[in-house]
Amino acid sequence: AGLTANQYGATIVTSGPMDADSARALVGDVLAGRKEDVVRISPDAQVV
């Protein structure tokens, strides 16, 4: 989180190990805004 065009300066967060389906479900929760304790995604952000 926090990548910009001219600087790295990101905050890196990793989960614990899990199976692929659980990891994909966690990503879905993050993108849907259900895991703001992990990272906050602005509602007007574009997801690619």
All heavy atoms as atom14 arrays in JSON, in Angstrom:
{
  "sequence": "AGLTANQYGATIVTSGPMDADSARALVGDVLAGRKEDVVRISPDAQVV",
  "atom14_mask": [
    [1, 1, 1, 1, 1, 0, 0, 0, 0, 0, 0, 0, 0, 0],
    [1, 1, 1, 1, 0, 0, 0, 0, 0, 0, 0, 0, 0, 0],
    [1, 1, 1, 1, 1, 1, 1, 1, 0, 0, 0, 0, 0, 0],
    [1, 1, 1, 1, 1, 1, 1, 0, 0, 0, 0, 0, 0, 0],
    [1, 1, 1, 1, 1, 0, 0, 0, 0, 0, 0, 0, 0, 0],
    [1, 1, 1, 1, 1, 1, 1, 1, 0, 0, 0, 0, 0, 0],
    [1, 1, 1, 1, 1, 1, 1, 1, 1, 0, 0, 0, 0, 0],
    [1, 1, 1, 1, 1, 1, 1, 1, 1, 1, 1, 1, 0, 0],
    [1, 1, 1, 1, 0, 0, 0, 0, 0, 0, 0, 0, 0, 0],
    [1, 1, 1, 1, 1, 0, 0, 0, 0, 0, 0, 0, 0, 0],
    [1, 1, 1, 1, 1, 1, 1, 0, 0, 0, 0, 0, 0, 0],
    [1, 1, 1, 1, 1, 1, 1, 1, 0, 0, 0, 0, 0, 0],
    [1, 1, 1, 1, 1, 1, 1, 0, 0, 0, 0, 0, 0, 0],
    [1, 1, 1, 1, 1, 1, 1, 0, 0, 0, 0, 0, 0, 0],
    [1, 1, 1, 1, 1, 1, 0, 0, 0, 0, 0, 0, 0, 0],
    [1, 1, 1, 1, 0, 0, 0, 0, 0, 0, 0, 0, 0, 0],
    [1, 1, 1, 1, 1, 1, 1, 0, 0, 0, 0, 0, 0, 0],
    [1, 1, 1, 1, 1, 1, 1, 1, 0, 0, 0, 0, 0, 0],
    [1, 1, 1, 1, 1, 1, 1, 1, 0, 0, 0, 0, 0, 0],
    [1, 1, 1, 1, 1, 0, 0, 0, 0, 0, 0, 0, 0, 0],
    [1, 1, 1, 1, 1, 1, 1, 1, 0, 0, 0, 0, 0, 0],
    [1, 1, 1, 1, 1, 1, 0, 0, 0, 0, 0, 0, 0, 0],
    [1, 1, 1, 1, 1, 0, 0, 0, 0, 0, 0, 0, 0, 0],
    [1, 1, 1, 1, 1, 1, 1, 1, 1, 1, 1, 0, 0, 0],
    [1, 1, 1, 1, 1, 0, 0, 0, 0, 0, 0, 0, 0, 0],
    [1, 1, 1, 1, 1, 1, 1, 1, 0, 0, 0, 0, 0, 0],
    [1, 1, 1, 1, 1, 1, 1, 0, 0, 0, 0, 0, 0, 0],
    [1, 1, 1, 1, 0, 0, 0, 0, 0, 0, 0, 0, 0, 0],
    [1, 1, 1, 1, 1, 1, 1, 1, 0, 0, 0, 0, 0, 0],
    [1, 1, 1, 1, 1, 1, 1, 0, 0, 0, 0, 0, 0, 0],
    [1, 1, 1, 1, 1, 1, 1, 1, 0, 0, 0, 0, 0, 0],
    [1, 1, 1, 1, 1, 0, 0, 0, 0, 0, 0, 0, 0, 0],
    [1, 1, 1, 1, 0, 0, 0, 0, 0, 0, 0, 0, 0, 0],
    [1, 1, 1, 1, 1, 1, 1, 1, 1, 1, 1, 0, 0, 0],
    [1, 1, 1, 1, 1, 1, 1, 1, 1, 0, 0, 0, 0, 0],
    [1, 1, 1, 1, 1, 1, 1, 1, 1, 0, 0, 0, 0, 0],
    [1, 1, 1, 1, 1, 1, 1, 1, 0, 0, 0, 0, 0, 0],
    [1, 1, 1, 1, 1, 1, 1, 0, 0, 0, 0, 0, 0, 0],
    [1, 1, 1, 1, 1, 1, 1, 0, 0, 0, 0, 0, 0, 0],
    [1, 1, 1, 1, 1, 1, 1, 1, 1, 1, 1, 0, 0, 0],
    [1, 1, 1, 1, 1, 1, 1, 1, 0, 0, 0, 0, 0, 0],
    [1, 1, 1, 1, 1, 1, 0, 0, 0, 0, 0, 0, 0, 0],
    [1, 1, 1, 1, 1, 1, 1, 0, 0, 0, 0, 0, 0, 0],
    [1, 1, 1, 1, 1, 1, 1, 1, 0, 0, 0, 0, 0, 0],
    [1, 1, 1, 1, 1, 0, 0, 0, 0, 0, 0, 0, 0, 0],
    [1, 1, 1, 1, 1, 1, 1, 1, 1, 0, 0, 0, 0, 0],
    [1, 1, 1, 1, 1, 1, 1, 0, 0, 0, 0, 0, 0, 0],
    [1, 1, 1, 1, 1, 1, 1, 0, 0, 0, 0, 0, 0, 0]
  ],
  "atom14_positions": [
    [[0.84, -1.2, 0.0], [0.0, 0.0, 0.0], [0.87, 1.25, 0.0], [1.89, 1.3, 0.68], [-0.91, 0.0, 1.23], [0.0, 0.0, 0.0], [0.0, 0.0, 0.0], [0.0, 0.0, 0.0], [0.0, 0.0, 0.0], [0.0, 0.0, 0.0], [0.0, 0.0, 0.0], [0.0, 0.0, 0.0], [0.0, 0.0, 0.0], [0.0, 0.0, 0.0]],
    [[0.45, 2.24, -0.77], [1.15, 3.52, -0.78], [2.19, 3.66, -1.87], [3.08, 4.5, -1.78], [0.0, 0.0, 0.0], [0.0, 0.0, 0.0], [0.0, 0.0, 0.0], [0.0, 0.0, 0.0], [0.0, 0.0, 0.0], [0.0, 0.0, 0.0], [0.0, 0.0, 0.0], [0.0, 0.0, 0.0], [0.0, 0.0, 0.0], [0.0, 0.0, 0.0]],
    [[2.07, 2.88, -2.93], [2.97, 3.03, -4.07], [2.62, 4.31, -4.8], [1.45, 4.66, -4.94], [2.82, 1.85, -5.03], [3.08, 0.45, -4.46], [2.57, -0.61, -5.42], [4.55, 0.27, -4.18], [0.0, 0.0, 0.0], [0.0, 0.0, 0.0], [0.0, 0.0, 0.0], [0.0, 0.0, 0.0], [0.0, 0.0, 0.0], [0.0, 0.0, 0.0]],
    [[3.63, 5.04, -5.27], [3.39, 6.21, -6.11], [4.28, 6.11, -7.34], [5.18, 5.28, -7.4], [3.67, 7.53, -5.38], [5.04, 7.55, -4.97], [2.76, 7.72, -4.18], [0.0, 0.0, 0.0], [0.0, 0.0, 0.0], [0.0, 0.0, 0.0], [0.0, 0.0, 0.0], [0.0, 0.0, 0.0], [0.0, 0.0, 0.0], [0.0, 0.0, 0.0]],
    [[4.05, 6.96, -8.3], [4.75, 6.89, -9.57], [6.26, 7.07, -9.42], [7.03, 6.44, -10.14], [4.2, 7.94, -10.53], [0.0, 0.0, 0.0], [0.0, 0.0, 0.0], [0.0, 0.0, 0.0], [0.0, 0.0, 0.0], [0.0, 0.0, 0.0], [0.0, 0.0, 0.0], [0.0, 0.0, 0.0], [0.0, 0.0, 0.0], [0.0, 0.0, 0.0]],
    [[6.7, 7.9, -8.51], [8.12, 8.23, -8.44], [8.84, 7.68, -7.22], [10.03, 7.9, -7.07], [8.28, 9.76, -8.47], [7.75, 10.35, -9.74], [7.85, 9.75, -10.8], [7.15, 11.53, -9.65], [0.0, 0.0, 0.0], [0.0, 0.0, 0.0], [0.0, 0.0, 0.0], [0.0, 0.0, 0.0], [0.0, 0.0, 0.0], [0.0, 0.0, 0.0]],
    [[8.13, 7.0, -6.33], [8.74, 6.52, -5.09], [8.19, 5.15, -4.78], [7.08, 4.81, -5.17], [8.41, 7.44, -3.92], [8.85, 8.86, -4.1], [8.33, 9.74, -2.97], [7.39, 9.39, -2.27], [8.93, 10.89, -2.8], [0.0, 0.0, 0.0], [0.0, 0.0, 0.0], [0.0, 0.0, 0.0], [0.0, 0.0, 0.0], [0.0, 0.0, 0.0]],
    [[9.0, 4.35, -4.05], [8.45, 3.08, -3.59], [7.71, 3.35, -2.29], [6.51, 3.41, -2.28], [9.54, 2.01, -3.44], [8.93, 0.66, -3.15], [8.25, -0.02, -4.14], [8.98, 0.12, -1.89], [7.64, -1.24, -3.88], [8.4, -1.1, -1.63], [7.73, -1.78, -2.61], [7.14, -2.98, -2.36], [0.0, 0.0, 0.0], [0.0, 0.0, 0.0]],
    [[8.38, 3.55, -1.21], [7.77, 3.98, 0.04], [6.5, 3.27, 0.48], [5.69, 3.85, 1.18], [0.0, 0.0, 0.0], [0.0, 0.0, 0.0], [0.0, 0.0, 0.0], [0.0, 0.0, 0.0], [0.0, 0.0, 0.0], [0.0, 0.0, 0.0], [0.0, 0.0, 0.0], [0.0, 0.0, 0.0], [0.0, 0.0, 0.0], [0.0, 0.0, 0.0]],
    [[6.3, 2.05, 0.06], [5.06, 1.34, 0.37], [5.11, 0.71, 1.75], [6.17, 0.4, 2.27], [4.8, 0.25, -0.67], [0.0, 0.0, 0.0], [0.0, 0.0, 0.0], [0.0, 0.0, 0.0], [0.0, 0.0, 0.0], [0.0, 0.0, 0.0], [0.0, 0.0, 0.0], [0.0, 0.0, 0.0], [0.0, 0.0, 0.0], [0.0, 0.0, 0.0]],
    [[3.92, 0.53, 2.31], [3.77, -0.28, 3.51], [3.41, -1.68, 3.04], [2.47, -1.84, 2.25], [2.64, 0.28, 4.39], [2.97, 1.62, 4.75], [2.42, -0.57, 5.63], [0.0, 0.0, 0.0], [0.0, 0.0, 0.0], [0.0, 0.0, 0.0], [0.0, 0.0, 0.0], [0.0, 0.0, 0.0], [0.0, 0.0, 0.0], [0.0, 0.0, 0.0]],
    [[4.15, -2.67, 3.49], [3.92, -4.04, 3.04], [3.33, -4.85, 4.19], [3.85, -4.86, 5.3], [5.23, -4.69, 2.56], [5.79, -3.87, 1.39], [4.99, -6.14, 2.15], [7.17, -4.28, 0.96], [0.0, 0.0, 0.0], [0.0, 0.0, 0.0], [0.0, 0.0, 0.0], [0.0, 0.0, 0.0], [0.0, 0.0, 0.0], [0.0, 0.0, 0.0]],
    [[2.21, -5.5, 3.89], [1.51, -6.35, 4.85], [1.35, -7.72, 4.23], [1.01, -7.83, 3.06], [0.11, -5.76, 5.18], [-0.65, -6.66, 6.13], [0.22, -4.35, 5.72], [0.0, 0.0, 0.0], [0.0, 0.0, 0.0], [0.0, 0.0, 0.0], [0.0, 0.0, 0.0], [0.0, 0.0, 0.0], [0.0, 0.0, 0.0], [0.0, 0.0, 0.0]],
    [[1.63, -8.77, 5.01], [1.42, -10.13, 4.51], [0.52, -10.9, 5.48], [0.53, -10.65, 6.68], [2.74, -10.91, 4.35], [3.39, -10.99, 5.61], [3.65, -10.23, 3.35], [0.0, 0.0, 0.0], [0.0, 0.0, 0.0], [0.0, 0.0, 0.0], [0.0, 0.0, 0.0], [0.0, 0.0, 0.0], [0.0, 0.0, 0.0], [0.0, 0.0, 0.0]],
    [[-0.24, -11.8, 4.92], [-1.07, -12.68, 5.75], [-0.24, -13.86, 6.2], [0.89, -14.05, 5.74], [-2.26, -13.19, 4.93], [-1.8, -14.11, 3.94], [0.0, 0.0, 0.0], [0.0, 0.0, 0.0], [0.0, 0.0, 0.0], [0.0, 0.0, 0.0], [0.0, 0.0, 0.0], [0.0, 0.0, 0.0], [0.0, 0.0, 0.0], [0.0, 0.0, 0.0]],
    [[-0.82, -14.66, 7.04], [-0.21, -15.94, 7.36], [-0.48, -16.93, 6.24], [-1.28, -16.66, 5.34], [0.0, 0.0, 0.0], [0.0, 0.0, 0.0], [0.0, 0.0, 0.0], [0.0, 0.0, 0.0], [0.0, 0.0, 0.0], [0.0, 0.0, 0.0], [0.0, 0.0, 0.0], [0.0, 0.0, 0.0], [0.0, 0.0, 0.0], [0.0, 0.0, 0.0]],
    [[0.2, -18.08, 6.26], [-0.02, -19.07, 5.22], [-1.42, -19.67, 5.28], [-1.99, -19.84, 6.36], [1.04, -20.14, 5.49], [1.59, -19.86, 6.84], [1.21, -18.48, 7.23], [0.0, 0.0, 0.0], [0.0, 0.0, 0.0], [0.0, 0.0, 0.0], [0.0, 0.0, 0.0], [0.0, 0.0, 0.0], [0.0, 0.0, 0.0], [0.0, 0.0, 0.0]],
    [[-1.97, -19.95, 4.1], [-3.31, -20.52, 4.0], [-3.42, -21.22, 2.65], [-2.52, -21.1, 1.82], [-4.37, -19.43, 4.15], [-4.29, -18.34, 3.1], [-5.4, -16.95, 3.38], [-4.55, -16.08, 4.68], [0.0, 0.0, 0.0], [0.0, 0.0, 0.0], [0.0, 0.0, 0.0], [0.0, 0.0, 0.0], [0.0, 0.0, 0.0], [0.0, 0.0, 0.0]],
    [[-4.52, -21.91, 2.42], [-4.71, -22.54, 1.11], [-5.12, -21.47, 0.09], [-5.48, -20.35, 0.45], [-5.73, -23.68, 1.18], [-7.11, -23.2, 1.59], [-7.75, -22.48, 0.79], [-7.56, -23.53, 2.7], [0.0, 0.0, 0.0], [0.0, 0.0, 0.0], [0.0, 0.0, 0.0], [0.0, 0.0, 0.0], [0.0, 0.0, 0.0], [0.0, 0.0, 0.0]],
    [[-5.03, -21.82, -1.19], [-5.28, -20.86, -2.27], [-6.69, -20.27, -2.2], [-6.88, -19.07, -2.4], [-5.03, -21.51, -3.62], [0.0, 0.0, 0.0], [0.0, 0.0, 0.0], [0.0, 0.0, 0.0], [0.0, 0.0, 0.0], [0.0, 0.0, 0.0], [0.0, 0.0, 0.0], [0.0, 0.0, 0.0], [0.0, 0.0, 0.0], [0.0, 0.0, 0.0]],
    [[-7.7, -21.11, -1.95], [-9.07, -20.61, -1.9], [-9.27, -19.6, -0.77], [-9.94, -18.58, -0.95], [-10.06, -21.76, -1.75], [-10.16, -22.62, -3.01], [-9.81, -22.12, -4.11], [-10.6, -23.78, -2.89], [0.0, 0.0, 0.0], [0.0, 0.0, 0.0], [0.0, 0.0, 0.0], [0.0, 0.0, 0.0], [0.0, 0.0, 0.0], [0.0, 0.0, 0.0]],
    [[-8.66, -19.87, 0.37], [-8.77, -18.93, 1.5], [-8.06, -17.62, 1.18], [-8.56, -16.54, 1.53], [-8.17, -19.54, 2.76], [-8.9, -20.68, 3.16], [0.0, 0.0, 0.0], [0.0, 0.0, 0.0], [0.0, 0.0, 0.0], [0.0, 0.0, 0.0], [0.0, 0.0, 0.0], [0.0, 0.0, 0.0], [0.0, 0.0, 0.0], [0.0, 0.0, 0.0]],
    [[-6.92, -17.69, 0.52], [-6.19, -16.48, 0.14], [-7.01, -15.64, -0.84], [-7.11, -14.43, -0.69], [-4.83, -16.85, -0.47], [0.0, 0.0, 0.0], [0.0, 0.0, 0.0], [0.0, 0.0, 0.0], [0.0, 0.0, 0.0], [0.0, 0.0, 0.0], [0.0, 0.0, 0.0], [0.0, 0.0, 0.0], [0.0, 0.0, 0.0], [0.0, 0.0, 0.0]],
    [[-7.61, -16.3, -1.81], [-8.44, -15.57, -2.78], [-9.68, -14.97, -2.11], [-10.1, -13.86, -2.46], [-8.83, -16.49, -3.93], [-7.65, -16.83, -4.82], [-8.01, -17.72, -5.99], [-6.81, -18.04, -6.74], [-6.27, -19.24, -6.82], [-6.83, -20.28, -6.21], [-5.16, -19.43, -7.51], [0.0, 0.0, 0.0], [0.0, 0.0, 0.0], [0.0, 0.0, 0.0]],
    [[-10.24, -15.67, -1.15], [-11.4, -15.14, -0.41], [-10.99, -13.91, 0.4], [-11.73, -12.92, 0.47], [-11.99, -16.21, 0.49], [0.0, 0.0, 0.0], [0.0, 0.0, 0.0], [0.0, 0.0, 0.0], [0.0, 0.0, 0.0], [0.0, 0.0, 0.0], [0.0, 0.0, 0.0], [0.0, 0.0, 0.0], [0.0, 0.0, 0.0], [0.0, 0.0, 0.0]],
    [[-9.81, -13.95, 1.01], [-9.31, -12.8, 1.77], [-9.12, -11.6, 0.84], [-9.51, -10.48, 1.18], [-8.0, -13.15, 2.48], [-7.33, -12.01, 3.24], [-8.26, -11.39, 4.27], [-6.04, -12.5, 3.89], [0.0, 0.0, 0.0], [0.0, 0.0, 0.0], [0.0, 0.0, 0.0], [0.0, 0.0, 0.0], [0.0, 0.0, 0.0], [0.0, 0.0, 0.0]],
    [[-8.56, -11.82, -0.34], [-8.4, -10.73, -1.3], [-9.77, -10.15, -1.66], [-9.94, -8.93, -1.73], [-7.63, -11.2, -2.56], [-7.73, -10.16, -3.67], [-6.18, -11.49, -2.22], [0.0, 0.0, 0.0], [0.0, 0.0, 0.0], [0.0, 0.0, 0.0], [0.0, 0.0, 0.0], [0.0, 0.0, 0.0], [0.0, 0.0, 0.0], [0.0, 0.0, 0.0]],
    [[-10.75, -11.0, -1.89], [-12.1, -10.53, -2.18], [-12.66, -9.67, -1.08], [-13.28, -8.62, -1.33], [0.0, 0.0, 0.0], [0.0, 0.0, 0.0], [0.0, 0.0, 0.0], [0.0, 0.0, 0.0], [0.0, 0.0, 0.0], [0.0, 0.0, 0.0], [0.0, 0.0, 0.0], [0.0, 0.0, 0.0], [0.0, 0.0, 0.0], [0.0, 0.0, 0.0]],
    [[-12.43, -10.08, 0.17], [-12.89, -9.28, 1.31], [-12.18, -7.93, 1.38], [-12.81, -6.9, 1.67], [-12.66, -10.04, 2.62], [-13.65, -11.18, 2.83], [-14.69, -11.22, 2.14], [-13.36, -12.04, 3.7], [0.0, 0.0, 0.0], [0.0, 0.0, 0.0], [0.0, 0.0, 0.0], [0.0, 0.0, 0.0], [0.0, 0.0, 0.0], [0.0, 0.0, 0.0]],
    [[-10.88, -7.92, 1.11], [-10.13, -6.66, 1.11], [-10.67, -5.73, 0.03], [-10.94, -4.55, 0.29], [-8.62, -6.93, 0.92], [-7.87, -5.63, 0.63], [-8.03, -7.62, 2.15], [0.0, 0.0, 0.0], [0.0, 0.0, 0.0], [0.0, 0.0, 0.0], [0.0, 0.0, 0.0], [0.0, 0.0, 0.0], [0.0, 0.0, 0.0], [0.0, 0.0, 0.0]],
    [[-10.83, -6.25, -1.18], [-11.31, -5.42, -2.29], [-12.73, -4.92, -2.07], [-13.1, -3.84, -2.54], [-11.21, -6.18, -3.61], [-9.79, -6.5, -4.07], [-9.83, -7.38, -5.31], [-8.99, -5.22, -4.32], [0.0, 0.0, 0.0], [0.0, 0.0, 0.0], [0.0, 0.0, 0.0], [0.0, 0.0, 0.0], [0.0, 0.0, 0.0], [0.0, 0.0, 0.0]],
    [[-13.54, -5.68, -1.34], [-14.92, -5.28, -1.05], [-15.01, -4.32, 0.14], [-16.11, -3.87, 0.49], [-15.77, -6.52, -0.79], [0.0, 0.0, 0.0], [0.0, 0.0, 0.0], [0.0, 0.0, 0.0], [0.0, 0.0, 0.0], [0.0, 0.0, 0.0], [0.0, 0.0, 0.0], [0.0, 0.0, 0.0], [0.0, 0.0, 0.0], [0.0, 0.0, 0.0]],
    [[-13.87, -4.02, 0.77], [-13.87, -3.09, 1.89], [-14.24, -3.71, 3.22], [-14.53, -3.01, 4.18], [0.0, 0.0, 0.0], [0.0, 0.0, 0.0], [0.0, 0.0, 0.0], [0.0, 0.0, 0.0], [0.0, 0.0, 0.0], [0.0, 0.0, 0.0], [0.0, 0.0, 0.0], [0.0, 0.0, 0.0], [0.0, 0.0, 0.0], [0.0, 0.0, 0.0]],
    [[-14.24, -5.04, 3.29], [-14.61, -5.72, 4.54], [-13.42, -5.98, 5.46], [-13.58, -6.59, 6.51], [-15.31, -7.03, 4.22], [-16.68, -6.84, 3.56], [-17.44, -8.13, 3.43], [-16.83, -9.04, 2.49], [-17.15, -9.13, 1.2], [-18.07, -8.34, 0.69], [-16.55, -10.0, 0.42], [0.0, 0.0, 0.0], [0.0, 0.0, 0.0], [0.0, 0.0, 0.0]],
    [[-12.23, -5.52, 5.08], [-11.02, -5.74, 5.89], [-10.25, -4.44, 6.05], [-9.07, -4.35, 5.79], [-10.12, -6.8, 5.23], [-10.69, -8.19, 5.23], [-10.68, -8.73, 6.64], [-11.15, -10.17, 6.67], [-11.14, -10.72, 8.01], [0.0, 0.0, 0.0], [0.0, 0.0, 0.0], [0.0, 0.0, 0.0], [0.0, 0.0, 0.0], [0.0, 0.0, 0.0]],
    [[-10.95, -3.4, 6.53], [-10.29, -2.11, 6.7], [-9.19, -2.14, 7.75], [-8.34, -1.26, 7.78], [-11.31, -1.02, 7.02], [-12.15, -0.65, 5.82], [-12.95, 0.61, 6.02], [-12.88, 1.22, 7.11], [-13.65, 0.99, 5.08], [0.0, 0.0, 0.0], [0.0, 0.0, 0.0], [0.0, 0.0, 0.0], [0.0, 0.0, 0.0], [0.0, 0.0, 0.0]],
    [[-9.2, -3.17, 8.61], [-8.11, -3.31, 9.58], [-6.82, -3.74, 8.88], [-5.73, -3.56, 9.42], [-8.49, -4.32, 10.67], [-8.84, -5.68, 10.11], [-9.56, -5.75, 9.08], [-8.42, -6.7, 10.69], [0.0, 0.0, 0.0], [0.0, 0.0, 0.0], [0.0, 0.0, 0.0], [0.0, 0.0, 0.0], [0.0, 0.0, 0.0], [0.0, 0.0, 0.0]],
    [[-6.92, -4.27, 7.67], [-5.75, -4.68, 6.89], [-5.31, -3.53, 6.0], [-4.16, -3.11, 6.02], [-6.06, -5.94, 6.05], [-4.89, -6.32, 5.17], [-6.45, -7.1, 6.95], [0.0, 0.0, 0.0], [0.0, 0.0, 0.0], [0.0, 0.0, 0.0], [0.0, 0.0, 0.0], [0.0, 0.0, 0.0], [0.0, 0.0, 0.0], [0.0, 0.0, 0.0]],
    [[-6.21, -3.04, 5.17], [-5.95, -1.88, 4.3], [-7.28, -1.25, 3.93], [-8.27, -1.95, 3.73], [-5.14, -2.27, 3.04], [-5.92, -3.19, 2.14], [-4.67, -1.05, 2.28], [0.0, 0.0, 0.0], [0.0, 0.0, 0.0], [0.0, 0.0, 0.0], [0.0, 0.0, 0.0], [0.0, 0.0, 0.0], [0.0, 0.0, 0.0], [0.0, 0.0, 0.0]],
    [[-7.3, 0.07, 3.88], [-8.54, 0.77, 3.51], [-8.51, 1.07, 2.02], [-7.58, 1.67, 1.51], [-8.66, 2.08, 4.29], [-9.98, 2.76, 4.04], [-10.08, 4.11, 4.75], [-11.32, 4.76, 4.46], [-11.63, 5.35, 3.32], [-10.78, 5.35, 2.32], [-12.8, 5.93, 3.15], [0.0, 0.0, 0.0], [0.0, 0.0, 0.0], [0.0, 0.0, 0.0]],
    [[-9.54, 0.63, 1.32], [-9.69, 0.89, -0.1], [-10.77, 1.96, -0.26], [-11.9, 1.78, 0.19], [-10.11, -0.39, -0.88], [-9.13, -1.53, -0.64], [-10.3, -0.09, -2.36], [-7.75, -1.32, -1.17], [0.0, 0.0, 0.0], [0.0, 0.0, 0.0], [0.0, 0.0, 0.0], [0.0, 0.0, 0.0], [0.0, 0.0, 0.0], [0.0, 0.0, 0.0]],
    [[-10.41, 3.06, -0.88], [-11.37, 4.15, -1.09], [-12.5, 3.67, -1.99], [-12.27, 2.97, -2.97], [-10.64, 5.32, -1.75], [-11.55, 6.31, -2.13], [0.0, 0.0, 0.0], [0.0, 0.0, 0.0], [0.0, 0.0, 0.0], [0.0, 0.0, 0.0], [0.0, 0.0, 0.0], [0.0, 0.0, 0.0], [0.0, 0.0, 0.0], [0.0, 0.0, 0.0]],
    [[-13.75, 4.03, -1.67], [-14.88, 3.59, -2.49], [-14.82, 4.08, -3.94], [-15.38, 3.46, -4.83], [-16.1, 4.17, -1.79], [-15.64, 4.74, -0.51], [-14.16, 4.81, -0.52], [0.0, 0.0, 0.0], [0.0, 0.0, 0.0], [0.0, 0.0, 0.0], [0.0, 0.0, 0.0], [0.0, 0.0, 0.0], [0.0, 0.0, 0.0], [0.0, 0.0, 0.0]],
    [[-14.11, 5.18, -4.19], [-14.01, 5.69, -5.55], [-12.74, 5.23, -6.28], [-12.46, 5.67, -7.39], [-14.12, 7.22, -5.58], [-13.03, 7.89, -4.76], [-12.42, 7.23, -3.91], [-12.8, 9.1, -4.96], [0.0, 0.0, 0.0], [0.0, 0.0, 0.0], [0.0, 0.0, 0.0], [0.0, 0.0, 0.0], [0.0, 0.0, 0.0], [0.0, 0.0, 0.0]],
    [[-12.02, 4.32, -5.69], [-10.8, 3.79, -6.31], [-11.17, 2.86, -7.47], [-12.22, 2.22, -7.48], [-9.97, 3.03, -5.29], [0.0, 0.0, 0.0], [0.0, 0.0, 0.0], [0.0, 0.0, 0.0], [0.0, 0.0, 0.0], [0.0, 0.0, 0.0], [0.0, 0.0, 0.0], [0.0, 0.0, 0.0], [0.0, 0.0, 0.0], [0.0, 0.0, 0.0]],
    [[-10.28, 2.8, -8.43], [-10.45, 1.87, -9.55], [-9.62, 0.63, -9.26], [-8.45, 0.72, -8.91], [-9.98, 2.51, -10.85], [-10.13, 1.61, -12.05], [-9.65, 2.28, -13.33], [-8.87, 3.21, -13.31], [-10.13, 1.77, -14.44], [0.0, 0.0, 0.0], [0.0, 0.0, 0.0], [0.0, 0.0, 0.0], [0.0, 0.0, 0.0], [0.0, 0.0, 0.0]],
    [[-10.23, -0.55, -9.4], [-9.53, -1.81, -9.17], [-9.29, -2.47, -10.52], [-10.22, -2.63, -11.31], [-10.35, -2.76, -8.26], [-9.62, -4.09, -8.08], [-10.6, -2.1, -6.92], [0.0, 0.0, 0.0], [0.0, 0.0, 0.0], [0.0, 0.0, 0.0], [0.0, 0.0, 0.0], [0.0, 0.0, 0.0], [0.0, 0.0, 0.0], [0.0, 0.0, 0.0]],
    [[-8.04, -2.83, -10.77], [-7.64, -3.45, -12.02], [-7.09, -4.84, -11.72], [-6.2, -4.98, -10.89], [-6.56, -2.61, -12.73], [-6.13, -3.25, -14.04], [-7.04, -1.19, -12.95], [0.0, 0.0, 0.0], [0.0, 0.0, 0.0], [0.0, 0.0, 0.0], [0.0, 0.0, 0.0], [0.0, 0.0, 0.0], [0.0, 0.0, 0.0], [0.0, 0.0, 0.0]]
  ]
}
